Amino acid sequence: MIRRRWRKSSYSNPNGDCVELTSTLDQLRDSKDPDGPTLKVDVVAFIGAVQAGRFDR
């Protein structure tokens, strides 16, 4: 089994609930559920989408 190191966003809220990213920059997970599912991502495309406001409500 591959052990991944996870990094929490510096923008996480005070109780720590946030998105975490692997040190290999290819998977995301919900920090509230570290044993739960992960999302495989293209980080460059993901960051571009965030910067473009595609996830704004």
PDB file of N, CA and C in Angstrom:
ATOM      1  N   MET A   1       0.838  -1.176   0.000  1.00  0.00           N
ATOM      2  CA  MET A   1       0.000   0.000   0.000  1.00  0.00           C
ATOM      3  C   MET A   1       0.890   1.248   0.000  1.00  0.00           C
ATOM      4  N   ILE A   2       0.488   2.236  -0.774  1.00  0.00           N
ATOM      5  CA  ILE A   2       1.224   3.493  -0.854  1.00  0.00           C
ATOM      6  C   ILE A   2       0.772   4.406   0.284  1.00  0.00           C
ATOM      7  N   ARG A   3       1.724   4.915   1.061  1.00  0.00           N
ATOM      8  CA  ARG A   3       1.404   5.890   2.110  1.00  0.00           C
ATOM      9  C   ARG A   3       1.589   7.280   1.542  1.00  0.00           C
ATOM     10  N   ARG A   4       0.550   8.060   1.604  1.00  0.00           N
ATOM     11  CA  ARG A   4       0.614   9.423   1.097  1.00  0.00           C
ATOM     12  C   ARG A   4       0.689  10.396   2.263  1.00  0.00           C
ATOM     13  N   ARG A   5       1.405  11.478   2.054  1.00  0.00           N
ATOM     14  CA  ARG A   5       1.408  12.564   3.030  1.00  0.00           C
ATOM     15  C   ARG A   5       0.373  13.581   2.584  1.00  0.00           C
ATOM     16  N   TRP A   6      -0.446  14.013   3.508  1.00  0.00           N
ATOM     17  CA  TRP A   6      -1.525  14.943   3.207  1.00  0.00           C
ATOM     18  C   TRP A   6      -1.205  16.307   3.798  1.00  0.00           C
ATOM     19  N   ARG A   7      -1.570  17.355   3.050  1.00  0.00           N
ATOM     20  CA  ARG A   7      -1.354  18.733   3.493  1.00  0.00           C
ATOM     21  C   ARG A   7      -2.699  19.440   3.541  1.00  0.00           C
ATOM     22  N   LYS A   8      -2.971  20.079   4.662  1.00  0.00           N
ATOM     23  CA  LYS A   8      -4.221  20.813   4.824  1.00  0.00           C
ATOM     24  C   LYS A   8      -4.041  22.230   4.289  1.00  0.00           C
ATOM     25  N   SER A   9      -5.085  22.745   3.700  1.00  0.00           N
ATOM     26  CA  SER A   9      -5.059  24.099   3.172  1.00  0.00           C
ATOM     27  C   SER A   9      -4.774  25.110   4.273  1.00  0.00           C
ATOM     28  N   SER A  10      -3.975  26.105   3.960  1.00  0.00           N
ATOM     29  CA  SER A  10      -3.709  27.175   4.924  1.00  0.00           C
ATOM     30  C   SER A  10      -4.948  28.048   5.120  1.00  0.00           C
ATOM     31  N   TYR A  11      -5.944  27.877   4.259  1.00  0.00           N
ATOM     32  CA  TYR A  11      -7.192  28.628   4.364  1.00  0.00           C
ATOM     33  C   TYR A  11      -8.260  27.868   5.136  1.00  0.00           C
ATOM     34  N   SER A  12      -7.893  26.780   5.813  1.00  0.00           N
ATOM     35  CA  SER A  12      -8.892  26.008   6.537  1.00  0.00           C
ATOM     36  C   SER A  12      -9.513  26.846   7.652  1.00  0.00           C
ATOM     37  N   ASN A  13     -10.742  26.508   7.993  1.00  0.00           N
ATOM     38  CA  ASN A  13     -11.424  27.289   9.029  1.00  0.00           C
ATOM     39  C   ASN A  13     -10.902  26.916  10.416  1.00  0.00           C
ATOM     40  N   PRO A  14     -11.273  27.665  11.457  1.00  0.00           N
ATOM     41  CA  PRO A  14     -10.712  27.449  12.797  1.00  0.00           C
ATOM     42  C   PRO A  14     -10.866  26.032  13.356  1.00  0.00           C
ATOM     43  N   ASN A  15     -11.935  25.324  12.995  1.00  0.00           N
ATOM     44  CA  ASN A  15     -12.088  23.959  13.525  1.00  0.00           C
ATOM     45  C   ASN A  15     -11.325  22.934  12.685  1.00  0.00           C
ATOM     46  N   GLY A  16     -10.650  23.371  11.630  1.00  0.00           N
ATOM     47  CA  GLY A  16      -9.792  22.494  10.850  1.00  0.00           C
ATOM     48  C   GLY A  16     -10.459  21.767   9.709  1.00  0.00           C
ATOM     49  N   ASP A  17     -11.765  21.904   9.541  1.00  0.00           N
ATOM     50  CA  ASP A  17     -12.456  21.220   8.453  1.00  0.00           C
ATOM     51  C   ASP A  17     -12.067  21.863   7.128  1.00  0.00           C
ATOM     52  N   CYS A  18     -11.509  21.083   6.259  1.00  0.00           N
ATOM     53  CA  CYS A  18     -11.027  21.649   5.006  1.00  0.00           C
ATOM     54  C   CYS A  18     -10.707  20.532   4.017  1.00  0.00           C
ATOM     55  N   VAL A  19     -10.186  20.946   2.908  1.00  0.00           N
ATOM     56  CA  VAL A  19      -9.708  20.026   1.881  1.00  0.00           C
ATOM     57  C   VAL A  19      -8.224  19.789   2.120  1.00  0.00           C
ATOM     58  N   GLU A  20      -7.796  18.546   1.922  1.00  0.00           N
ATOM     59  CA  GLU A  20      -6.376  18.216   2.014  1.00  0.00           C
ATOM     60  C   GLU A  20      -5.901  17.712   0.657  1.00  0.00           C
ATOM     61  N   LEU A  21      -4.636  17.942   0.363  1.00  0.00           N
ATOM     62  CA  LEU A  21      -4.008  17.566  -0.896  1.00  0.00           C
ATOM     63  C   LEU A  21      -2.802  16.698  -0.600  1.00  0.00           C
ATOM     64  N   THR A  22      -2.594  15.663  -1.412  1.00  0.00           N
ATOM     65  CA  THR A  22      -1.427  14.807  -1.205  1.00  0.00           C
ATOM     66  C   THR A  22      -0.157  15.548  -1.575  1.00  0.00           C
ATOM     67  N   SER A  23       0.948  15.088  -0.998  1.00  0.00           N
ATOM     68  CA  SER A  23       2.251  15.676  -1.309  1.00  0.00           C
ATOM     69  C   SER A  23       2.619  15.446  -2.775  1.00  0.00           C
ATOM     70  N   THR A  24       1.978  14.469  -3.415  1.00  0.00           N
ATOM     71  CA  THR A  24       2.234  14.208  -4.834  1.00  0.00           C
ATOM     72  C   THR A  24       1.333  15.051  -5.740  1.00  0.00           C
ATOM     73  N   LEU A  25       0.468  15.864  -5.119  1.00  0.00           N
ATOM     74  CA  LEU A  25      -0.397  16.811  -5.827  1.00  0.00           C
ATOM     75  C   LEU A  25      -1.364  16.160  -6.814  1.00  0.00           C
ATOM     76  N   ASP A  26      -1.844  14.963  -6.475  1.00  0.00           N
ATOM     77  CA  ASP A  26      -2.759  14.301  -7.412  1.00  0.00           C
ATOM     78  C   ASP A  26      -4.052  13.787  -6.789  1.00  0.00           C
ATOM     79  N   GLN A  27      -4.237  13.993  -5.471  1.00  0.00           N
ATOM     80  CA  GLN A  27      -5.470  13.533  -4.829  1.00  0.00           C
ATOM     81  C   GLN A  27      -5.920  14.534  -3.775  1.00  0.00           C
ATOM     82  N   LEU A  28      -7.246  14.680  -3.650  1.00  0.00           N
ATOM     83  CA  LEU A  28      -7.859  15.525  -2.631  1.00  0.00           C
ATOM     84  C   LEU A  28      -8.726  14.662  -1.732  1.00  0.00           C
ATOM     85  N   ARG A  29      -8.934  15.122  -0.491  1.00  0.00           N
ATOM     86  CA  ARG A  29      -9.870  14.453   0.409  1.00  0.00           C
ATOM     87  C   ARG A  29     -10.448  15.486   1.373  1.00  0.00           C
ATOM     88  N   ASP A  30     -11.524  15.112   2.019  1.00  0.00           N
ATOM     89  CA  ASP A  30     -12.155  15.924   3.045  1.00  0.00           C
ATOM     90  C   ASP A  30     -11.423  15.653   4.353  1.00  0.00           C
ATOM     91  N   SER A  31     -10.896  16.685   4.992  1.00  0.00           N
ATOM     92  CA  SER A  31     -10.122  16.475   6.216  1.00  0.00           C
ATOM     93  C   SER A  31     -10.958  15.912   7.362  1.00  0.00           C
ATOM     94  N   LYS A  32     -12.289  16.071   7.311  1.00  0.00           N
ATOM     95  CA  LYS A  32     -13.149  15.516   8.353  1.00  0.00           C
ATOM     96  C   LYS A  32     -13.261  13.997   8.247  1.00  0.00           C
ATOM     97  N   ASP A  33     -12.907  13.437   7.095  1.00  0.00           N
ATOM     98  CA  ASP A  33     -13.056  12.003   6.852  1.00  0.00           C
ATOM     99  C   ASP A  33     -11.765  11.448   6.239  1.00  0.00           C
ATOM    100  N   PRO A  34     -10.683  11.402   7.018  1.00  0.00           N
ATOM    101  CA  PRO A  34      -9.389  10.984   6.463  1.00  0.00           C
ATOM    102  C   PRO A  34      -9.351   9.553   5.929  1.00  0.00           C
ATOM    103  N   ASP A  35     -10.257   8.709   6.385  1.00  0.00           N
ATOM    104  CA  ASP A  35     -10.295   7.333   5.881  1.00  0.00           C
ATOM    105  C   ASP A  35     -11.322   7.158   4.774  1.00  0.00           C
ATOM    106  N   GLY A  36     -11.976   8.243   4.403  1.00  0.00           N
ATOM    107  CA  GLY A  36     -13.013   8.195   3.383  1.00  0.00           C
ATOM    108  C   GLY A  36     -12.435   8.246   1.974  1.00  0.00           C
ATOM    109  N   PRO A  37     -13.296   8.494   1.018  1.00  0.00           N
ATOM    110  CA  PRO A  37     -12.876   8.500  -0.384  1.00  0.00           C
ATOM    111  C   PRO A  37     -11.953   9.669  -0.709  1.00  0.00           C
ATOM    112  N   THR A  38     -11.186   9.500  -1.764  1.00  0.00           N
ATOM    113  CA  THR A  38     -10.330  10.563  -2.268  1.00  0.00           C
ATOM    114  C   THR A  38     -10.737  10.869  -3.706  1.00  0.00           C
ATOM    115  N   LEU A  39     -10.339  12.014  -4.161  1.00  0.00           N
ATOM    116  CA  LEU A  39     -10.645  12.448  -5.517  1.00  0.00           C
ATOM    117  C   LEU A  39      -9.336  12.637  -6.264  1.00  0.00           C
ATOM    118  N   LYS A  40      -9.155  11.894  -7.346  1.00  0.00           N
ATOM    119  CA  LYS A  40      -7.957  12.048  -8.169  1.00  0.00           C
ATOM    120  C   LYS A  40      -8.138  13.306  -9.010  1.00  0.00           C
ATOM    121  N   VAL A  41      -7.131  14.173  -9.012  1.00  0.00           N
ATOM    122  CA  VAL A  41      -7.269  15.467  -9.675  1.00  0.00           C
ATOM    123  C   VAL A  41      -6.067  15.804 -10.547  1.00  0.00           C
ATOM    124  N   ASP A  42      -6.322  16.649 -11.525  1.00  0.00           N
ATOM    125  CA  ASP A  42      -5.274  17.305 -12.301  1.00  0.00           C
ATOM    126  C   ASP A  42      -5.117  18.667 -11.624  1.00  0.00           C
ATOM    127  N   VAL A  43      -4.094  18.821 -10.787  1.00  0.00           N
ATOM    128  CA  VAL A  43      -3.956  20.003  -9.950  1.00  0.00           C
ATOM    129  C   VAL A  43      -3.866  21.285 -10.764  1.00  0.00           C
ATOM    130  N   VAL A  44      -3.147  21.275 -11.855  1.00  0.00           N
ATOM    131  CA  VAL A  44      -3.031  22.481 -12.679  1.00  0.00           C
ATOM    132  C   VAL A  44      -4.399  22.917 -13.187  1.00  0.00           C
ATOM    133  N   ALA A  45      -5.185  21.972 -13.683  1.00  0.00           N
ATOM    134  CA  ALA A  45      -6.527  22.289 -14.167  1.00  0.00           C
ATOM    135  C   ALA A  45      -7.434  22.715 -13.010  1.00  0.00           C
ATOM    136  N   PHE A  46      -7.312  22.051 -11.868  1.00  0.00           N
ATOM    137  CA  PHE A  46      -8.123  22.384 -10.706  1.00  0.00           C
ATOM    138  C   PHE A  46      -7.842  23.812 -10.235  1.00  0.00           C
ATOM    139  N   ILE A  47      -6.585  24.170 -10.104  1.00  0.00           N
ATOM    140  CA  ILE A  47      -6.222  25.526  -9.675  1.00  0.00           C
ATOM    141  C   ILE A  47      -6.720  26.552 -10.688  1.00  0.00           C
ATOM    142  N   GLY A  48      -6.601  26.237 -11.961  1.00  0.00           N
ATOM    143  CA  GLY A  48      -7.112  27.136 -12.989  1.00  0.00           C
ATOM    144  C   GLY A  48      -8.607  27.347 -12.864  1.00  0.00           C
ATOM    145  N   ALA A  49      -9.347  26.287 -12.561  1.00  0.00           N
ATOM    146  CA  ALA A  49     -10.793  26.389 -12.405  1.00  0.00           C
ATOM    147  C   ALA A  49     -11.152  27.211 -11.167  1.00  0.00           C
ATOM    148  N   VAL A  50     -10.418  27.019 -10.078  1.00  0.00           N
ATOM    149  CA  VAL A  50     -10.658  27.812  -8.871  1.00  0.00           C
ATOM    150  C   VAL A  50     -10.393  29.284  -9.154  1.00  0.00           C
ATOM    151  N   GLN A  51      -9.278  29.578  -9.802  1.00  0.00           N
ATOM    152  CA  GLN A  51      -8.936  30.968 -10.115  1.00  0.00           C
ATOM    153  C   GLN A  51      -9.944  31.607 -11.058  1.00  0.00           C
ATOM    154  N   ALA A  52     -10.534  30.814 -11.926  1.00  0.00           N
ATOM    155  CA  ALA A  52     -11.530  31.319 -12.864  1.00  0.00           C
ATOM    156  C   ALA A  52     -12.903  31.486 -12.227  1.00  0.00           C
ATOM    157  N   GLY A  53     -13.054  31.045 -10.971  1.00  0.00           N
ATOM    158  CA  GLY A  53     -14.318  31.210 -10.271  1.00  0.00           C
ATOM    159  C   GLY A  53     -15.346  30.136 -10.589  1.00  0.00           C
ATOM    160  N   ARG A  54     -14.936  29.021 -11.133  1.00  0.00           N
ATOM    161  CA  ARG A  54     -15.890  27.975 -11.517  1.00  0.00           C
ATOM    162  C   ARG A  54     -16.574  27.321 -10.334  1.00  0.00           C
ATOM    163  N   PHE A  55     -16.037  27.469  -9.113  1.00  0.00           N
ATOM    164  CA  PHE A  55     -16.636  26.852  -7.940  1.00  0.00           C
ATOM    165  C   PHE A  55     -17.309  27.872  -7.036  1.00  0.00           C
ATOM    166  N   ASP A  56     -17.364  29.117  -7.460  1.00  0.00           N
ATOM    167  CA  ASP A  56     -18.044  30.159  -6.683  1.00  0.00           C
ATOM    168  C   ASP A  56     -19.539  29.908  -6.691  1.00  0.00           C
ATOM    169  N   ARG A  57     -20.175  30.230  -5.620  1.00  0.00           N
ATOM    170  CA  ARG A  57     -21.625  30.038  -5.537  1.00  0.00           C
ATOM    171  C   ARG A  57     -22.321  31.319  -5.804  1.00  0.00           C
TER     172      ARG A  57
END
